Amino acid sequence: MLSFKSQIGNIKLGDIITINWIPEIYFPKVDNQTGIFAAQNISFRFTNSPISISSIMNKAVDFGNFTGKSFDWNIGINYSFRNKYINKKEIKSK
């Protein structure tokens, strides 16, 4: 499989929303089956909020001999717990 991926991050929409976009084009090969697919992952983060919205989309450009859906997508609502981890070395030195 060959894949080309890029990340376009921290796109500000005003003071509230930040967008991260990861487009990808990939060329899978399984046995004698090949195809060309485009995919993307996009997320919308809200300033001072633990909630974000993300979506993954996958579209066949040339489906080749593969079976399945030529377009697939989902939307997720994410919650970040923002855990702060303590370094064990810091605890031992106290």
PDB file of N, CA and C in Angstrom:
ATOM      1  N   MET A   1       0.843  -1.174   0.000  1.00  0.00           N
ATOM      2  CA  MET A   1       0.000   0.000   0.000  1.00  0.00           C
ATOM      3  C   MET A   1       0.890   1.239   0.000  1.00  0.00           C
ATOM      4  N   LEU A   2       0.478   2.204  -0.774  1.00  0.00           N
ATOM      5  CA  LEU A   2       1.164   3.487  -0.850  1.00  0.00           C
ATOM      6  C   LEU A   2       0.193   4.556  -0.370  1.00  0.00           C
ATOM      7  N   SER A   3       0.666   5.498   0.434  1.00  0.00           N
ATOM      8  CA  SER A   3      -0.213   6.513   1.004  1.00  0.00           C
ATOM      9  C   SER A   3       0.484   7.865   1.035  1.00  0.00           C
ATOM     10  N   PHE A   4      -0.278   8.909   0.734  1.00  0.00           N
ATOM     11  CA  PHE A   4       0.191  10.290   0.861  1.00  0.00           C
ATOM     12  C   PHE A   4      -0.751  11.001   1.818  1.00  0.00           C
ATOM     13  N   LYS A   5      -0.185  11.584   2.864  1.00  0.00           N
ATOM     14  CA  LYS A   5      -0.993  12.217   3.903  1.00  0.00           C
ATOM     15  C   LYS A   5      -0.385  13.560   4.261  1.00  0.00           C
ATOM     16  N   SER A   6      -1.242  14.507   4.603  1.00  0.00           N
ATOM     17  CA  SER A   6      -0.797  15.824   5.033  1.00  0.00           C
ATOM     18  C   SER A   6      -1.601  16.220   6.263  1.00  0.00           C
ATOM     19  N   GLN A   7      -1.081  17.151   7.020  1.00  0.00           N
ATOM     20  CA  GLN A   7      -1.838  17.670   8.158  1.00  0.00           C
ATOM     21  C   GLN A   7      -1.850  19.180   8.088  1.00  0.00           C
ATOM     22  N   ILE A   8      -3.051  19.713   8.103  1.00  0.00           N
ATOM     23  CA  ILE A   8      -3.237  21.158   8.119  1.00  0.00           C
ATOM     24  C   ILE A   8      -3.923  21.456   9.445  1.00  0.00           C
ATOM     25  N   GLY A   9      -3.173  22.023  10.373  1.00  0.00           N
ATOM     26  CA  GLY A   9      -3.696  22.151  11.723  1.00  0.00           C
ATOM     27  C   GLY A   9      -3.761  23.564  12.235  1.00  0.00           C
ATOM     28  N   ASN A  10      -4.494  23.681  13.325  1.00  0.00           N
ATOM     29  CA  ASN A  10      -4.669  24.942  14.045  1.00  0.00           C
ATOM     30  C   ASN A  10      -5.195  26.070  13.162  1.00  0.00           C
ATOM     31  N   ILE A  11      -6.190  25.749  12.349  1.00  0.00           N
ATOM     32  CA  ILE A  11      -6.874  26.769  11.552  1.00  0.00           C
ATOM     33  C   ILE A  11      -7.910  27.420  12.466  1.00  0.00           C
ATOM     34  N   LYS A  12      -7.756  28.695  12.714  1.00  0.00           N
ATOM     35  CA  LYS A  12      -8.641  29.406  13.637  1.00  0.00           C
ATOM     36  C   LYS A  12      -9.870  29.943  12.903  1.00  0.00           C
ATOM     37  N   LEU A  13     -11.034  29.672  13.464  1.00  0.00           N
ATOM     38  CA  LEU A  13     -12.278  30.296  13.018  1.00  0.00           C
ATOM     39  C   LEU A  13     -12.734  31.201  14.157  1.00  0.00           C
ATOM     40  N   GLY A  14     -12.309  32.423  14.115  1.00  0.00           N
ATOM     41  CA  GLY A  14     -12.600  33.338  15.208  1.00  0.00           C
ATOM     42  C   GLY A  14     -11.815  32.959  16.450  1.00  0.00           C
ATOM     43  N   ASP A  15     -12.361  33.290  17.603  1.00  0.00           N
ATOM     44  CA  ASP A  15     -11.693  33.008  18.870  1.00  0.00           C
ATOM     45  C   ASP A  15     -12.180  31.714  19.507  1.00  0.00           C
ATOM     46  N   ILE A  16     -13.167  31.061  18.899  1.00  0.00           N
ATOM     47  CA  ILE A  16     -13.816  29.938  19.561  1.00  0.00           C
ATOM     48  C   ILE A  16     -13.445  28.572  18.979  1.00  0.00           C
ATOM     49  N   ILE A  17     -13.326  28.455  17.660  1.00  0.00           N
ATOM     50  CA  ILE A  17     -13.164  27.153  17.011  1.00  0.00           C
ATOM     51  C   ILE A  17     -11.790  27.028  16.354  1.00  0.00           C
ATOM     52  N   THR A  18     -11.165  25.869  16.544  1.00  0.00           N
ATOM     53  CA  THR A  18      -9.910  25.523  15.877  1.00  0.00           C
ATOM     54  C   THR A  18     -10.140  24.240  15.081  1.00  0.00           C
ATOM     55  N   ILE A  19      -9.709  24.242  13.816  1.00  0.00           N
ATOM     56  CA  ILE A  19      -9.905  23.089  12.935  1.00  0.00           C
ATOM     57  C   ILE A  19      -8.566  22.413  12.667  1.00  0.00           C
ATOM     58  N   ASN A  20      -8.566  21.098  12.704  1.00  0.00           N
ATOM     59  CA  ASN A  20      -7.429  20.284  12.265  1.00  0.00           C
ATOM     60  C   ASN A  20      -7.932  19.388  11.143  1.00  0.00           C
ATOM     61  N   TRP A  21      -7.227  19.386  10.005  1.00  0.00           N
ATOM     62  CA  TRP A  21      -7.661  18.620   8.839  1.00  0.00           C
ATOM     63  C   TRP A  21      -6.510  17.748   8.356  1.00  0.00           C
ATOM     64  N   ILE A  22      -6.786  16.474   8.157  1.00  0.00           N
ATOM     65  CA  ILE A  22      -5.776  15.530   7.677  1.00  0.00           C
ATOM     66  C   ILE A  22      -6.322  14.824   6.431  1.00  0.00           C
ATOM     67  N   PRO A  23      -6.009  15.339   5.234  1.00  0.00           N
ATOM     68  CA  PRO A  23      -6.421  14.641   4.010  1.00  0.00           C
ATOM     69  C   PRO A  23      -5.415  13.544   3.654  1.00  0.00           C
ATOM     70  N   GLU A  24      -5.894  12.520   2.955  1.00  0.00           N
ATOM     71  CA  GLU A  24      -5.019  11.409   2.567  1.00  0.00           C
ATOM     72  C   GLU A  24      -5.521  10.791   1.269  1.00  0.00           C
ATOM     73  N   ILE A  25      -4.607  10.378   0.428  1.00  0.00           N
ATOM     74  CA  ILE A  25      -4.933   9.562  -0.738  1.00  0.00           C
ATOM     75  C   ILE A  25      -4.070   8.312  -0.631  1.00  0.00           C
ATOM     76  N   TYR A  26      -4.704   7.153  -0.835  1.00  0.00           N
ATOM     77  CA  TYR A  26      -3.939   5.918  -0.689  1.00  0.00           C
ATOM     78  C   TYR A  26      -4.315   4.910  -1.769  1.00  0.00           C
ATOM     79  N   PHE A  27      -3.367   4.016  -2.023  1.00  0.00           N
ATOM     80  CA  PHE A  27      -3.462   3.044  -3.102  1.00  0.00           C
ATOM     81  C   PHE A  27      -3.247   1.641  -2.521  1.00  0.00           C
ATOM     82  N   PRO A  28      -4.303   0.994  -2.018  1.00  0.00           N
ATOM     83  CA  PRO A  28      -4.119  -0.340  -1.443  1.00  0.00           C
ATOM     84  C   PRO A  28      -3.961  -1.404  -2.530  1.00  0.00           C
ATOM     85  N   LYS A  29      -3.236  -2.451  -2.188  1.00  0.00           N
ATOM     86  CA  LYS A  29      -3.114  -3.606  -3.074  1.00  0.00           C
ATOM     87  C   LYS A  29      -3.209  -4.851  -2.210  1.00  0.00           C
ATOM     88  N   VAL A  30      -4.231  -5.660  -2.449  1.00  0.00           N
ATOM     89  CA  VAL A  30      -4.437  -6.912  -1.735  1.00  0.00           C
ATOM     90  C   VAL A  30      -4.560  -8.006  -2.789  1.00  0.00           C
ATOM     91  N   ASP A  31      -3.625  -8.929  -2.787  1.00  0.00           N
ATOM     92  CA  ASP A  31      -3.538  -9.953  -3.836  1.00  0.00           C
ATOM     93  C   ASP A  31      -3.489  -9.254  -5.194  1.00  0.00           C
ATOM     94  N   ASN A  32      -4.472  -9.485  -6.048  1.00  0.00           N
ATOM     95  CA  ASN A  32      -4.509  -8.830  -7.364  1.00  0.00           C
ATOM     96  C   ASN A  32      -5.456  -7.639  -7.394  1.00  0.00           C
ATOM     97  N   GLN A  33      -6.011  -7.278  -6.261  1.00  0.00           N
ATOM     98  CA  GLN A  33      -6.969  -6.171  -6.205  1.00  0.00           C
ATOM     99  C   GLN A  33      -6.243  -4.869  -5.870  1.00  0.00           C
ATOM    100  N   THR A  34      -6.523  -3.841  -6.644  1.00  0.00           N
ATOM    101  CA  THR A  34      -5.953  -2.515  -6.385  1.00  0.00           C
ATOM    102  C   THR A  34      -7.050  -1.474  -6.512  1.00  0.00           C
ATOM    103  N   GLY A  35      -6.816  -0.316  -5.968  1.00  0.00           N
ATOM    104  CA  GLY A  35      -7.773   0.778  -6.061  1.00  0.00           C
ATOM    105  C   GLY A  35      -7.122   2.076  -5.621  1.00  0.00           C
ATOM    106  N   ILE A  36      -7.886   3.153  -5.763  1.00  0.00           N
ATOM    107  CA  ILE A  36      -7.437   4.473  -5.323  1.00  0.00           C
ATOM    108  C   ILE A  36      -8.530   5.032  -4.419  1.00  0.00           C
ATOM    109  N   PHE A  37      -8.144   5.483  -3.243  1.00  0.00           N
ATOM    110  CA  PHE A  37      -9.105   5.987  -2.273  1.00  0.00           C
ATOM    111  C   PHE A  37      -8.640   7.326  -1.710  1.00  0.00           C
ATOM    112  N   ALA A  38      -9.605   8.165  -1.371  1.00  0.00           N
ATOM    113  CA  ALA A  38      -9.331   9.438  -0.702  1.00  0.00           C
ATOM    114  C   ALA A  38     -10.002   9.388   0.668  1.00  0.00           C
ATOM    115  N   ALA A  39      -9.307   9.900   1.661  1.00  0.00           N
ATOM    116  CA  ALA A  39      -9.850   9.904   3.015  1.00  0.00           C
ATOM    117  C   ALA A  39      -9.518  11.233   3.677  1.00  0.00           C
ATOM    118  N   GLN A  40     -10.241  11.529   4.730  1.00  0.00           N
ATOM    119  CA  GLN A  40      -9.931  12.724   5.506  1.00  0.00           C
ATOM    120  C   GLN A  40     -10.389  12.530   6.933  1.00  0.00           C
ATOM    121  N   ASN A  41      -9.695  13.185   7.820  1.00  0.00           N
ATOM    122  CA  ASN A  41     -10.061  13.255   9.221  1.00  0.00           C
ATOM    123  C   ASN A  41     -10.099  14.737   9.548  1.00  0.00           C
ATOM    124  N   ILE A  42     -11.215  15.202  10.063  1.00  0.00           N
ATOM    125  CA  ILE A  42     -11.335  16.621  10.402  1.00  0.00           C
ATOM    126  C   ILE A  42     -11.889  16.731  11.819  1.00  0.00           C
ATOM    127  N   SER A  43     -11.337  17.656  12.590  1.00  0.00           N
ATOM    128  CA  SER A  43     -11.829  17.853  13.951  1.00  0.00           C
ATOM    129  C   SER A  43     -12.015  19.338  14.227  1.00  0.00           C
ATOM    130  N   PHE A  44     -13.025  19.617  15.011  1.00  0.00           N
ATOM    131  CA  PHE A  44     -13.363  20.977  15.423  1.00  0.00           C
ATOM    132  C   PHE A  44     -13.252  21.034  16.941  1.00  0.00           C
ATOM    133  N   ARG A  45     -12.273  21.795  17.429  1.00  0.00           N
ATOM    134  CA  ARG A  45     -12.081  21.959  18.869  1.00  0.00           C
ATOM    135  C   ARG A  45     -12.612  23.323  19.288  1.00  0.00           C
ATOM    136  N   PHE A  46     -13.203  23.363  20.467  1.00  0.00           N
ATOM    137  CA  PHE A  46     -13.768  24.600  20.992  1.00  0.00           C
ATOM    138  C   PHE A  46     -12.892  25.110  22.129  1.00  0.00           C
ATOM    139  N   THR A  47     -12.528  26.388  22.071  1.00  0.00           N
ATOM    140  CA  THR A  47     -11.668  26.991  23.079  1.00  0.00           C
ATOM    141  C   THR A  47     -12.315  26.882  24.456  1.00  0.00           C
ATOM    142  N   ASN A  48     -11.511  26.519  25.447  1.00  0.00           N
ATOM    143  CA  ASN A  48     -11.944  26.407  26.846  1.00  0.00           C
ATOM    144  C   ASN A  48     -13.094  25.421  27.035  1.00  0.00           C
ATOM    145  N   SER A  49     -13.153  24.400  26.192  1.00  0.00           N
ATOM    146  CA  SER A  49     -14.174  23.368  26.324  1.00  0.00           C
ATOM    147  C   SER A  49     -13.516  22.005  26.158  1.00  0.00           C
ATOM    148  N   PRO A  50     -13.919  21.025  26.954  1.00  0.00           N
ATOM    149  CA  PRO A  50     -13.354  19.681  26.797  1.00  0.00           C
ATOM    150  C   PRO A  50     -14.001  18.895  25.649  1.00  0.00           C
ATOM    151  N   ILE A  51     -14.974  19.499  24.970  1.00  0.00           N
ATOM    152  CA  ILE A  51     -15.712  18.804  23.910  1.00  0.00           C
ATOM    153  C   ILE A  51     -15.200  19.217  22.537  1.00  0.00           C
ATOM    154  N   SER A  52     -15.058  18.231  21.661  1.00  0.00           N
ATOM    155  CA  SER A  52     -14.717  18.489  20.264  1.00  0.00           C
ATOM    156  C   SER A  52     -15.559  17.566  19.390  1.00  0.00           C
ATOM    157  N   ILE A  53     -15.650  17.907  18.114  1.00  0.00           N
ATOM    158  CA  ILE A  53     -16.398  17.107  17.140  1.00  0.00           C
ATOM    159  C   ILE A  53     -15.421  16.686  16.055  1.00  0.00           C
ATOM    160  N   SER A  54     -15.470  15.413  15.674  1.00  0.00           N
ATOM    161  CA  SER A  54     -14.564  14.930  14.635  1.00  0.00           C
ATOM    162  C   SER A  54     -15.327  14.077  13.630  1.00  0.00           C
ATOM    163  N   SER A  55     -14.759  13.966  12.444  1.00  0.00           N
ATOM    164  CA  SER A  55     -15.368  13.162  11.393  1.00  0.00           C
ATOM    165  C   SER A  55     -14.279  12.497  10.565  1.00  0.00           C
ATOM    166  N   ILE A  56     -14.541  11.285  10.148  1.00  0.00           N
ATOM    167  CA  ILE A  56     -13.664  10.558   9.239  1.00  0.00           C
ATOM    168  C   ILE A  56     -14.496  10.190   8.021  1.00  0.00           C
ATOM    169  N   MET A  57     -13.959  10.471   6.836  1.00  0.00           N
ATOM    170  CA  MET A  57     -14.636  10.130   5.587  1.00  0.00           C
ATOM    171  C   MET A  57     -13.679   9.361   4.695  1.00  0.00           C
ATOM    172  N   ASN A  58     -14.219   8.407   3.955  1.00  0.00           N
ATOM    173  CA  ASN A  58     -13.425   7.589   3.043  1.00  0.00           C
ATOM    174  C   ASN A  58     -14.216   7.425   1.747  1.00  0.00           C
ATOM    175  N   LYS A  59     -13.607   7.766   0.612  1.00  0.00           N
ATOM    176  CA  LYS A  59     -14.280   7.719  -0.691  1.00  0.00           C
ATOM    177  C   LYS A  59     -13.391   7.010  -1.696  1.00  0.00           C
ATOM    178  N   ALA A  60     -13.983   6.080  -2.438  1.00  0.00           N
ATOM    179  CA  ALA A  60     -13.245   5.399  -3.500  1.00  0.00           C
ATOM    180  C   ALA A  60     -13.174   6.307  -4.721  1.00  0.00           C
ATOM    181  N   VAL A  61     -11.977   6.563  -5.209  1.00  0.00           N
ATOM    182  CA  VAL A  61     -11.787   7.300  -6.459  1.00  0.00           C
ATOM    183  C   VAL A  61     -11.867   6.302  -7.611  1.00  0.00           C
ATOM    184  N   ASP A  62     -11.170   5.183  -7.457  1.00  0.00           N
ATOM    185  CA  ASP A  62     -11.244   4.059  -8.395  1.00  0.00           C
ATOM    186  C   ASP A  62     -11.362   2.813  -7.535  1.00  0.00           C
ATOM    187  N   PHE A  63     -12.565   2.250  -7.459  1.00  0.00           N
ATOM    188  CA  PHE A  63     -12.854   1.147  -6.550  1.00  0.00           C
ATOM    189  C   PHE A  63     -12.125  -0.134  -6.939  1.00  0.00           C
ATOM    190  N   GLY A  64     -11.737  -0.255  -8.200  1.00  0.00           N
ATOM    191  CA  GLY A  64     -11.030  -1.456  -8.650  1.00  0.00           C
ATOM    192  C   GLY A  64     -11.875  -2.695  -8.444  1.00  0.00           C
ATOM    193  N   ASN A  65     -11.280  -3.759  -7.965  1.00  0.00           N
ATOM    194  CA  ASN A  65     -11.991  -5.021  -7.739  1.00  0.00           C
ATOM    195  C   ASN A  65     -12.446  -5.201  -6.298  1.00  0.00           C
ATOM    196  N   PHE A  66     -12.290  -4.180  -5.465  1.00  0.00           N
ATOM    197  CA  PHE A  66     -12.681  -4.302  -4.065  1.00  0.00           C
ATOM    198  C   PHE A  66     -14.198  -4.358  -3.924  1.00  0.00           C
ATOM    199  N   THR A  67     -14.657  -4.970  -2.857  1.00  0.00           N
ATOM    200  CA  THR A  67     -16.085  -4.993  -2.553  1.00  0.00           C
ATOM    201  C   THR A  67     -16.318  -4.148  -1.306  1.00  0.00           C
ATOM    202  N   GLY A  68     -17.528  -3.697  -1.123  1.00  0.00           N
ATOM    203  CA  GLY A  68     -17.866  -2.888   0.042  1.00  0.00           C
ATOM    204  C   GLY A  68     -18.421  -1.542  -0.375  1.00  0.00           C
ATOM    205  N   LYS A  69     -18.470  -0.625   0.571  1.00  0.00           N
ATOM    206  CA  LYS A  69     -19.013   0.709   0.315  1.00  0.00           C
ATOM    207  C   LYS A  69     -18.000   1.567  -0.431  1.00  0.00           C
ATOM    208  N   SER A  70     -18.490   2.354  -1.392  1.00  0.00           N
ATOM    209  CA  SER A  70     -17.583   3.271  -2.089  1.00  0.00           C
ATOM    210  C   SER A  70     -17.447   4.594  -1.329  1.00  0.00           C
ATOM    211  N   PHE A  71     -18.346   4.841  -0.359  1.00  0.00           N
ATOM    212  CA  PHE A  71     -18.258   6.037   0.485  1.00  0.00           C
ATOM    213  C   PHE A  71     -18.665   5.646   1.895  1.00  0.00           C
ATOM    214  N   ASP A  72     -17.873   6.024   2.856  1.00  0.00           N
ATOM    215  CA  ASP A  72     -18.163   5.707   4.251  1.00  0.00           C
ATOM    216  C   ASP A  72     -17.747   6.891   5.112  1.00  0.00           C
ATOM    217  N   TRP A  73     -18.478   7.157   6.180  1.00  0.00           N
ATOM    218  CA  TRP A  73     -18.176   8.303   7.027  1.00  0.00           C
ATOM    219  C   TRP A  73     -18.719   8.059   8.429  1.00  0.00           C
ATOM    220  N   ASN A  74     -18.247   8.857   9.362  1.00  0.00           N
ATOM    221  CA  ASN A  74     -18.808   8.870  10.709  1.00  0.00           C
ATOM    222  C   ASN A  74     -18.569  10.233  11.340  1.00  0.00           C
ATOM    223  N   ILE A  75     -19.297  10.499  12.390  1.00  0.00           N
ATOM    224  CA  ILE A  75     -19.129  11.729  13.170  1.00  0.00           C
ATOM    225  C   ILE A  75     -19.028  11.320  14.633  1.00  0.00           C
ATOM    226  N   GLY A  76     -18.076  11.912  15.337  1.00  0.00           N
ATOM    227  CA  GLY A  76     -17.899  11.601  16.747  1.00  0.00           C
ATOM    228  C   GLY A  76     -17.908  12.853  17.599  1.00  0.00           C
ATOM    229  N   ILE A  77     -18.435  12.712  18.786  1.00  0.00           N
ATOM    230  CA  ILE A  77     -18.362  13.775  19.790  1.00  0.00           C
ATOM    231  C   ILE A  77     -17.368  13.285  20.835  1.00  0.00           C
ATOM    232  N   ASN A  78     -16.328  14.065  21.066  1.00  0.00           N
ATOM    233  CA  ASN A  78     -15.224  13.648  21.925  1.00  0.00           C
ATOM    234  C   ASN A  78     -15.179  14.500  23.190  1.00  0.00           C
ATOM    235  N   TYR A  79     -14.789  13.866  24.279  1.00  0.00           N
ATOM    236  CA  TYR A  79     -14.615  14.573  25.545  1.00  0.00           C
ATOM    237  C   TYR A  79     -13.195  14.334  26.033  1.00  0.00           C
ATOM    238  N   SER A  80     -12.467  15.396  26.309  1.00  0.00           N
ATOM    239  CA  SER A  80     -11.098  15.295  26.804  1.00  0.00           C
ATOM    240  C   SER A  80     -11.104  15.483  28.316  1.00  0.00           C
ATOM    241  N   PHE A  81     -10.572  14.500  29.020  1.00  0.00           N
ATOM    242  CA  PHE A  81     -10.529  14.574  30.479  1.00  0.00           C
ATOM    243  C   PHE A  81      -9.406  15.470  30.973  1.00  0.00           C
ATOM    244  N   ARG A  82      -8.484  15.823  30.111  1.00  0.00           N
ATOM    245  CA  ARG A  82      -7.362  16.707  30.427  1.00  0.00           C
ATOM    246  C   ARG A  82      -6.637  16.282  31.701  1.00  0.00           C
ATOM    247  N   ASN A  83      -6.330  15.007  31.761  1.00  0.00           N
ATOM    248  CA  ASN A  83      -5.585  14.491  32.916  1.00  0.00           C
ATOM    249  C   ASN A  83      -4.199  15.106  32.962  1.00  0.00           C
ATOM    250  N   LYS A  84      -3.758  15.415  34.142  1.00  0.00           N
ATOM    251  CA  LYS A  84      -2.404  15.916  34.329  1.00  0.00           C
ATOM    252  C   LYS A  84      -1.628  14.830  35.050  1.00  0.00           C
ATOM    253  N   TYR A  85      -0.566  14.374  34.417  1.00  0.00           N
ATOM    254  CA  TYR A  85       0.224  13.295  34.963  1.00  0.00           C
ATOM    255  C   TYR A  85       1.403  13.859  35.746  1.00  0.00           C
ATOM    256  N   ILE A  86       1.745  13.157  36.810  1.00  0.00           N
ATOM    257  CA  ILE A  86       2.853  13.574  37.657  1.00  0.00           C
ATOM    258  C   ILE A  86       4.029  12.646  37.384  1.00  0.00           C
ATOM    259  N   ASN A  87       5.171  13.224  37.158  1.00  0.00           N
ATOM    260  CA  ASN A  87       6.382  12.461  36.916  1.00  0.00           C
ATOM    261  C   ASN A  87       6.801  11.770  38.215  1.00  0.00           C
ATOM    262  N   LYS A  88       7.057  10.464  38.166  1.00  0.00           N
ATOM    263  CA  LYS A  88       7.434   9.708  39.366  1.00  0.00           C
ATOM    264  C   LYS A  88       8.711  10.240  39.999  1.00  0.00           C
ATOM    265  N   LYS A  89       9.618  10.756  39.204  1.00  0.00           N
ATOM    266  CA  LYS A  89      10.862  11.308  39.733  1.00  0.00           C
ATOM    267  C   LYS A  89      10.584  12.526  40.606  1.00  0.00           C
ATOM    268  N   GLU A  90       9.582  13.311  40.243  1.00  0.00           N
ATOM    269  CA  GLU A  90       9.232  14.492  41.041  1.00  0.00           C
ATOM    270  C   GLU A  90       8.678  14.077  42.399  1.00  0.00           C
ATOM    271  N   ILE A  91       7.907  13.000  42.437  1.00  0.00           N
ATOM    272  CA  ILE A  91       7.316  12.533  43.692  1.00  0.00           C
ATOM    273  C   ILE A  91       8.412  12.023  44.633  1.00  0.00           C
ATOM    274  N   LYS A  92       9.365  11.260  44.101  1.00  0.00           N
ATOM    275  CA  LYS A  92      10.440  10.695  44.921  1.00  0.00           C
ATOM    276  C   LYS A  92      11.351  11.766  45.497  1.00  0.00           C
ATOM    277  N   SER A  93      11.541  12.865  44.782  1.00  0.00           N
ATOM    278  CA  SER A  93      12.455  13.906  45.252  1.00  0.00           C
ATOM    279  C   SER A  93      11.840  14.784  46.332  1.00  0.00           C
ATOM    280  N   LYS A  94      10.555  14.686  46.561  1.00  0.00           N
ATOM    281  CA  LYS A  94       9.894  15.540  47.567  1.00  0.00           C
ATOM    282  C   LYS A  94      10.066  15.021  48.946  1.00  0.00           C
TER     283      LYS A  94
END
